[in-house]
Amino acid sequence: SQVGRATYSIYLWQQIFTGPLFQATSPALEAFDLAVMTAACVILYRLLERPLIRKSRTWSDALASSRGIPSGA
């Protein structure tokens, strides 16, 4: 399920991890590279993206309440 949540990160990073720099490598190294990319994306999602999402919701709710808009509207 963590990979599913991190799919947007994977979508963004796969361009770097599967680009010309890595296309000339062996299939085994390419598979390892993709595994590292997937793990890195899951870690980045948990440590960077989730906190940013929570923070943006806090800011959004604060802004909405200052304008008299109900939270989540």
PDB file of N, CA and C in Angstrom:
ATOM      1  N   SER A   1       0.822  -1.196   0.000  1.00  0.00           N
ATOM      2  CA  SER A   1       0.000   0.000   0.000  1.00  0.00           C
ATOM      3  C   SER A   1       0.865   1.259   0.000  1.00  0.00           C
ATOM      4  N   GLN A   2       2.060   1.170   0.597  1.00  0.00           N
ATOM      5  CA  GLN A   2       2.951   2.335   0.607  1.00  0.00           C
ATOM      6  C   GLN A   2       3.376   2.719  -0.807  1.00  0.00           C
ATOM      7  N   VAL A   3       3.629   1.717  -1.647  1.00  0.00           N
ATOM      8  CA  VAL A   3       4.008   2.012  -3.029  1.00  0.00           C
ATOM      9  C   VAL A   3       2.856   2.708  -3.739  1.00  0.00           C
ATOM     10  N   GLY A   4       1.640   2.272  -3.464  1.00  0.00           N
ATOM     11  CA  GLY A   4       0.473   2.905  -4.063  1.00  0.00           C
ATOM     12  C   GLY A   4       0.353   4.366  -3.682  1.00  0.00           C
ATOM     13  N   ARG A   5       0.641   4.667  -2.458  1.00  0.00           N
ATOM     14  CA  ARG A   5       0.571   6.055  -1.994  1.00  0.00           C
ATOM     15  C   ARG A   5       1.698   6.905  -2.576  1.00  0.00           C
ATOM     16  N   ALA A   6       2.790   6.275  -2.904  1.00  0.00           N
ATOM     17  CA  ALA A   6       3.963   7.008  -3.402  1.00  0.00           C
ATOM     18  C   ALA A   6       4.036   7.020  -4.926  1.00  0.00           C
ATOM     19  N   THR A   7       2.962   6.625  -5.603  1.00  0.00           N
ATOM     20  CA  THR A   7       3.030   6.497  -7.054  1.00  0.00           C
ATOM     21  C   THR A   7       3.323   7.817  -7.757  1.00  0.00           C
ATOM     22  N   TYR A   8       2.856   8.925  -7.219  1.00  0.00           N
ATOM     23  CA  TYR A   8       3.145  10.194  -7.881  1.00  0.00           C
ATOM     24  C   TYR A   8       4.635  10.495  -7.827  1.00  0.00           C
ATOM     25  N   SER A   9       5.265  10.220  -6.692  1.00  0.00           N
ATOM     26  CA  SER A   9       6.714  10.392  -6.586  1.00  0.00           C
ATOM     27  C   SER A   9       7.433   9.478  -7.563  1.00  0.00           C
ATOM     28  N   ILE A  10       6.955   8.249  -7.644  1.00  0.00           N
ATOM     29  CA  ILE A  10       7.567   7.308  -8.589  1.00  0.00           C
ATOM     30  C   ILE A  10       7.420   7.834 -10.008  1.00  0.00           C
ATOM     31  N   TYR A  11       6.255   8.364 -10.319  1.00  0.00           N
ATOM     32  CA  TYR A  11       6.023   8.931 -11.647  1.00  0.00           C
ATOM     33  C   TYR A  11       7.037  10.046 -11.937  1.00  0.00           C
ATOM     34  N   LEU A  12       7.276  10.909 -10.956  1.00  0.00           N
ATOM     35  CA  LEU A  12       8.212  12.010 -11.158  1.00  0.00           C
ATOM     36  C   LEU A  12       9.659  11.536 -11.259  1.00  0.00           C
ATOM     37  N   TRP A  13      10.080  10.667 -10.367  1.00  0.00           N
ATOM     38  CA  TRP A  13      11.473  10.250 -10.302  1.00  0.00           C
ATOM     39  C   TRP A  13      11.853   9.232 -11.360  1.00  0.00           C
ATOM     40  N   GLN A  14      10.902   8.497 -11.903  1.00  0.00           N
ATOM     41  CA  GLN A  14      11.257   7.462 -12.882  1.00  0.00           C
ATOM     42  C   GLN A  14      11.926   8.055 -14.112  1.00  0.00           C
ATOM     43  N   GLN A  15      11.660   9.303 -14.417  1.00  0.00           N
ATOM     44  CA  GLN A  15      12.315   9.942 -15.552  1.00  0.00           C
ATOM     45  C   GLN A  15      13.824  10.019 -15.347  1.00  0.00           C
ATOM     46  N   ILE A  16      14.229  10.264 -14.112  1.00  0.00           N
ATOM     47  CA  ILE A  16      15.661  10.346 -13.809  1.00  0.00           C
ATOM     48  C   ILE A  16      16.254   8.942 -13.725  1.00  0.00           C
ATOM     49  N   PHE A  17      15.569   8.050 -13.029  1.00  0.00           N
ATOM     50  CA  PHE A  17      16.105   6.716 -12.781  1.00  0.00           C
ATOM     51  C   PHE A  17      16.077   5.799 -13.998  1.00  0.00           C
ATOM     52  N   THR A  18      15.287   6.112 -14.998  1.00  0.00           N
ATOM     53  CA  THR A  18      15.236   5.268 -16.195  1.00  0.00           C
ATOM     54  C   THR A  18      15.721   6.005 -17.434  1.00  0.00           C
ATOM     55  N   GLY A  19      16.317   7.152 -17.234  1.00  0.00           N
ATOM     56  CA  GLY A  19      16.790   7.971 -18.344  1.00  0.00           C
ATOM     57  C   GLY A  19      18.057   7.437 -18.988  1.00  0.00           C
ATOM     58  N   PRO A  20      18.614   8.200 -19.887  1.00  0.00           N
ATOM     59  CA  PRO A  20      19.777   7.779 -20.670  1.00  0.00           C
ATOM     60  C   PRO A  20      20.973   7.337 -19.825  1.00  0.00           C
ATOM     61  N   LEU A  21      21.144   7.927 -18.660  1.00  0.00           N
ATOM     62  CA  LEU A  21      22.264   7.568 -17.809  1.00  0.00           C
ATOM     63  C   LEU A  21      22.227   6.093 -17.399  1.00  0.00           C
ATOM     64  N   PHE A  22      21.038   5.561 -17.207  1.00  0.00           N
ATOM     65  CA  PHE A  22      20.908   4.192 -16.713  1.00  0.00           C
ATOM     66  C   PHE A  22      20.524   3.184 -17.799  1.00  0.00           C
ATOM     67  N   GLN A  23      20.264   3.631 -19.012  1.00  0.00           N
ATOM     68  CA  GLN A  23      19.833   2.714 -20.067  1.00  0.00           C
ATOM     69  C   GLN A  23      20.962   1.836 -20.587  1.00  0.00           C
ATOM     70  N   ALA A  24      22.194   2.218 -20.361  1.00  0.00           N
ATOM     71  CA  ALA A  24      23.326   1.442 -20.860  1.00  0.00           C
ATOM     72  C   ALA A  24      23.834   0.447 -19.822  1.00  0.00           C
ATOM     73  N   THR A  25      23.082   0.239 -18.757  1.00  0.00           N
ATOM     74  CA  THR A  25      23.516  -0.677 -17.706  1.00  0.00           C
ATOM     75  C   THR A  25      22.946  -2.069 -17.945  1.00  0.00           C
ATOM     76  N   SER A  26      23.435  -3.022 -17.196  1.00  0.00           N
ATOM     77  CA  SER A  26      22.946  -4.401 -17.311  1.00  0.00           C
ATOM     78  C   SER A  26      21.526  -4.493 -16.758  1.00  0.00           C
ATOM     79  N   PRO A  27      20.762  -5.485 -17.204  1.00  0.00           N
ATOM     80  CA  PRO A  27      19.396  -5.644 -16.678  1.00  0.00           C
ATOM     81  C   PRO A  27      19.357  -5.807 -15.159  1.00  0.00           C
ATOM     82  N   ALA A  28      20.339  -6.497 -14.591  1.00  0.00           N
ATOM     83  CA  ALA A  28      20.369  -6.681 -13.139  1.00  0.00           C
ATOM     84  C   ALA A  28      20.571  -5.339 -12.431  1.00  0.00           C
ATOM     85  N   LEU A  29      21.464  -4.514 -12.950  1.00  0.00           N
ATOM     86  CA  LEU A  29      21.695  -3.207 -12.358  1.00  0.00           C
ATOM     87  C   LEU A  29      20.479  -2.299 -12.548  1.00  0.00           C
ATOM     88  N   GLU A  30      19.831  -2.430 -13.671  1.00  0.00           N
ATOM     89  CA  GLU A  30      18.618  -1.651 -13.926  1.00  0.00           C
ATOM     90  C   GLU A  30      17.509  -2.039 -12.945  1.00  0.00           C
ATOM     91  N   ALA A  31      17.354  -3.342 -12.682  1.00  0.00           N
ATOM     92  CA  ALA A  31      16.356  -3.809 -11.718  1.00  0.00           C
ATOM     93  C   ALA A  31      16.682  -3.288 -10.322  1.00  0.00           C
ATOM     94  N   PHE A  32      17.953  -3.323  -9.964  1.00  0.00           N
ATOM     95  CA  PHE A  32      18.382  -2.793  -8.669  1.00  0.00           C
ATOM     96  C   PHE A  32      18.087  -1.297  -8.588  1.00  0.00           C
ATOM     97  N   ASP A  33      18.370  -0.582  -9.643  1.00  0.00           N
ATOM     98  CA  ASP A  33      18.124   0.853  -9.717  1.00  0.00           C
ATOM     99  C   ASP A  33      16.634   1.152  -9.493  1.00  0.00           C
ATOM    100  N   LEU A  34      15.770   0.386 -10.122  1.00  0.00           N
ATOM    101  CA  LEU A  34      14.327   0.595  -9.958  1.00  0.00           C
ATOM    102  C   LEU A  34      13.875   0.269  -8.536  1.00  0.00           C
ATOM    103  N   ALA A  35      14.473  -0.752  -7.939  1.00  0.00           N
ATOM    104  CA  ALA A  35      14.139  -1.089  -6.551  1.00  0.00           C
ATOM    105  C   ALA A  35      14.567   0.036  -5.613  1.00  0.00           C
ATOM    106  N   VAL A  36      15.750   0.595  -5.837  1.00  0.00           N
ATOM    107  CA  VAL A  36      16.231   1.721  -5.026  1.00  0.00           C
ATOM    108  C   VAL A  36      15.321   2.924  -5.218  1.00  0.00           C
ATOM    109  N   MET A  37      14.921   3.196  -6.455  1.00  0.00           N
ATOM    110  CA  MET A  37      14.028   4.312  -6.720  1.00  0.00           C
ATOM    111  C   MET A  37      12.703   4.137  -5.978  1.00  0.00           C
ATOM    112  N   THR A  38      12.134   2.937  -6.029  1.00  0.00           N
ATOM    113  CA  THR A  38      10.865   2.683  -5.367  1.00  0.00           C
ATOM    114  C   THR A  38      11.001   2.876  -3.862  1.00  0.00           C
ATOM    115  N   ALA A  39      12.045   2.330  -3.282  1.00  0.00           N
ATOM    116  CA  ALA A  39      12.263   2.495  -1.840  1.00  0.00           C
ATOM    117  C   ALA A  39      12.465   3.965  -1.482  1.00  0.00           C
ATOM    118  N   ALA A  40      13.237   4.675  -2.269  1.00  0.00           N
ATOM    119  CA  ALA A  40      13.477   6.096  -2.010  1.00  0.00           C
ATOM    120  C   ALA A  40      12.178   6.890  -2.098  1.00  0.00           C
ATOM    121  N   CYS A  41      11.328   6.560  -3.063  1.00  0.00           N
ATOM    122  CA  CYS A  41      10.061   7.280  -3.206  1.00  0.00           C
ATOM    123  C   CYS A  41       9.136   7.019  -2.021  1.00  0.00           C
ATOM    124  N   VAL A  42       9.106   5.784  -1.536  1.00  0.00           N
ATOM    125  CA  VAL A  42       8.283   5.474  -0.369  1.00  0.00           C
ATOM    126  C   VAL A  42       8.793   6.241   0.854  1.00  0.00           C
ATOM    127  N   ILE A  43      10.099   6.266   1.032  1.00  0.00           N
ATOM    128  CA  ILE A  43      10.691   6.990   2.163  1.00  0.00           C
ATOM    129  C   ILE A  43      10.425   8.492   2.038  1.00  0.00           C
ATOM    130  N   LEU A  44      10.621   9.043   0.850  1.00  0.00           N
ATOM    131  CA  LEU A  44      10.360  10.466   0.651  1.00  0.00           C
ATOM    132  C   LEU A  44       8.897  10.806   0.873  1.00  0.00           C
ATOM    133  N   TYR A  45       8.008   9.907   0.459  1.00  0.00           N
ATOM    134  CA  TYR A  45       6.583  10.141   0.678  1.00  0.00           C
ATOM    135  C   TYR A  45       6.297  10.237   2.174  1.00  0.00           C
ATOM    136  N   ARG A  46       6.838   9.282   2.917  1.00  0.00           N
ATOM    137  CA  ARG A  46       6.566   9.248   4.362  1.00  0.00           C
ATOM    138  C   ARG A  46       7.235  10.409   5.109  1.00  0.00           C
ATOM    139  N   LEU A  47       8.455  10.759   4.739  1.00  0.00           N
ATOM    140  CA  LEU A  47       9.208  11.761   5.497  1.00  0.00           C
ATOM    141  C   LEU A  47       9.047  13.192   4.993  1.00  0.00           C
ATOM    142  N   LEU A  48       8.684  13.362   3.742  1.00  0.00           N
ATOM    143  CA  LEU A  48       8.623  14.704   3.175  1.00  0.00           C
ATOM    144  C   LEU A  48       7.212  15.075   2.713  1.00  0.00           C
ATOM    145  N   GLU A  49       6.630  14.238   1.874  1.00  0.00           N
ATOM    146  CA  GLU A  49       5.340  14.610   1.292  1.00  0.00           C
ATOM    147  C   GLU A  49       4.204  14.631   2.308  1.00  0.00           C
ATOM    148  N   ARG A  50       4.082  13.590   3.126  1.00  0.00           N
ATOM    149  CA  ARG A  50       2.995  13.561   4.109  1.00  0.00           C
ATOM    150  C   ARG A  50       3.040  14.750   5.058  1.00  0.00           C
ATOM    151  N   PRO A  51       4.208  15.086   5.630  1.00  0.00           N
ATOM    152  CA  PRO A  51       4.234  16.286   6.482  1.00  0.00           C
ATOM    153  C   PRO A  51       3.850  17.560   5.724  1.00  0.00           C
ATOM    154  N   LEU A  52       4.274  17.675   4.472  1.00  0.00           N
ATOM    155  CA  LEU A  52       3.900  18.860   3.688  1.00  0.00           C
ATOM    156  C   LEU A  52       2.403  18.897   3.409  1.00  0.00           C
ATOM    157  N   ILE A  53       1.810  17.751   3.153  1.00  0.00           N
ATOM    158  CA  ILE A  53       0.360  17.684   2.923  1.00  0.00           C
ATOM    159  C   ILE A  53      -0.380  18.104   4.189  1.00  0.00           C
ATOM    160  N   ARG A  54       0.059  17.579   5.344  1.00  0.00           N
ATOM    161  CA  ARG A  54      -0.578  17.961   6.614  1.00  0.00           C
ATOM    162  C   ARG A  54      -0.443  19.460   6.866  1.00  0.00           C
ATOM    163  N   LYS A  55       0.749  19.992   6.620  1.00  0.00           N
ATOM    164  CA  LYS A  55       0.978  21.415   6.838  1.00  0.00           C
ATOM    165  C   LYS A  55       0.106  22.261   5.910  1.00  0.00           C
ATOM    166  N   SER A  56      -0.004  21.856   4.660  1.00  0.00           N
ATOM    167  CA  SER A  56      -0.824  22.630   3.721  1.00  0.00           C
ATOM    168  C   SER A  56      -2.293  22.588   4.113  1.00  0.00           C
ATOM    169  N   ARG A  57      -2.752  21.459   4.660  1.00  0.00           N
ATOM    170  CA  ARG A  57      -4.139  21.396   5.136  1.00  0.00           C
ATOM    171  C   ARG A  57      -4.348  22.328   6.318  1.00  0.00           C
ATOM    172  N   THR A  58      -3.354  22.388   7.208  1.00  0.00           N
ATOM    173  CA  THR A  58      -3.442  23.287   8.349  1.00  0.00           C
ATOM    174  C   THR A  58      -3.534  24.731   7.872  1.00  0.00           C
ATOM    175  N   TRP A  59      -2.665  25.106   6.943  1.00  0.00           N
ATOM    176  CA  TRP A  59      -2.692  26.461   6.395  1.00  0.00           C
ATOM    177  C   TRP A  59      -4.015  26.752   5.700  1.00  0.00           C
ATOM    178  N   SER A  60      -4.499  25.788   4.930  1.00  0.00           N
ATOM    179  CA  SER A  60      -5.745  25.969   4.202  1.00  0.00           C
ATOM    180  C   SER A  60      -6.922  26.138   5.161  1.00  0.00           C
ATOM    181  N   ASP A  61      -6.968  25.300   6.205  1.00  0.00           N
ATOM    182  CA  ASP A  61      -8.043  25.416   7.187  1.00  0.00           C
ATOM    183  C   ASP A  61      -7.968  26.750   7.927  1.00  0.00           C
ATOM    184  N   ALA A  62      -6.756  27.199   8.259  1.00  0.00           N
ATOM    185  CA  ALA A  62      -6.602  28.488   8.952  1.00  0.00           C
ATOM    186  C   ALA A  62      -7.059  29.632   8.058  1.00  0.00           C
ATOM    187  N   LEU A  63      -6.696  29.579   6.796  1.00  0.00           N
ATOM    188  CA  LEU A  63      -7.109  30.620   5.871  1.00  0.00           C
ATOM    189  C   LEU A  63      -8.623  30.615   5.689  1.00  0.00           C
ATOM    190  N   ALA A  64      -9.208  29.431   5.563  1.00  0.00           N
ATOM    191  CA  ALA A  64     -10.654  29.329   5.391  1.00  0.00           C
ATOM    192  C   ALA A  64     -11.384  29.856   6.622  1.00  0.00           C
ATOM    193  N   SER A  65     -10.901  29.512   7.807  1.00  0.00           N
ATOM    194  CA  SER A  65     -11.585  29.972   9.016  1.00  0.00           C
ATOM    195  C   SER A  65     -11.449  31.487   9.190  1.00  0.00           C
ATOM    196  N   SER A  66     -10.329  32.044   8.732  1.00  0.00           N
ATOM    197  CA  SER A  66     -10.179  33.493   8.838  1.00  0.00           C
ATOM    198  C   SER A  66     -11.132  34.224   7.889  1.00  0.00           C
ATOM    199  N   ARG A  67     -11.588  33.513   6.876  1.00  0.00           N
ATOM    200  CA  ARG A  67     -12.554  34.100   5.921  1.00  0.00           C
ATOM    201  C   ARG A  67     -13.980  33.669   6.226  1.00  0.00           C
ATOM    202  N   GLY A  68     -14.165  32.898   7.302  1.00  0.00           N
ATOM    203  CA  GLY A  68     -15.501  32.465   7.691  1.00  0.00           C
ATOM    204  C   GLY A  68     -16.037  31.300   6.882  1.00  0.00           C
ATOM    205  N   ILE A  69     -15.152  30.567   6.237  1.00  0.00           N
ATOM    206  CA  ILE A  69     -15.562  29.410   5.452  1.00  0.00           C
ATOM    207  C   ILE A  69     -15.408  28.165   6.311  1.00  0.00           C
ATOM    208  N   PRO A  70     -16.423  27.297   6.383  1.00  0.00           N
ATOM    209  CA  PRO A  70     -16.306  26.084   7.195  1.00  0.00           C
ATOM    210  C   PRO A  70     -15.152  25.203   6.718  1.00  0.00           C
ATOM    211  N   SER A  71     -14.493  24.548   7.651  1.00  0.00           N
ATOM    212  CA  SER A  71     -13.378  23.667   7.332  1.00  0.00           C
ATOM    213  C   SER A  71     -13.821  22.532   6.427  1.00  0.00           C
ATOM    214  N   GLY A  72     -13.017  22.218   5.407  1.00  0.00           N
ATOM    215  CA  GLY A  72     -13.326  21.126   4.494  1.00  0.00           C
ATOM    216  C   GLY A  72     -14.315  21.497   3.397  1.00  0.00           C
ATOM    217  N   ALA A  73     -14.712  22.741   3.319  1.00  0.00           N
ATOM    218  CA  ALA A  73     -15.683  23.144   2.291  1.00  0.00           C
ATOM    219  C   ALA A  73     -15.018  23.416   0.974  1.00  0.00           C
TER     220      ALA A  73
END
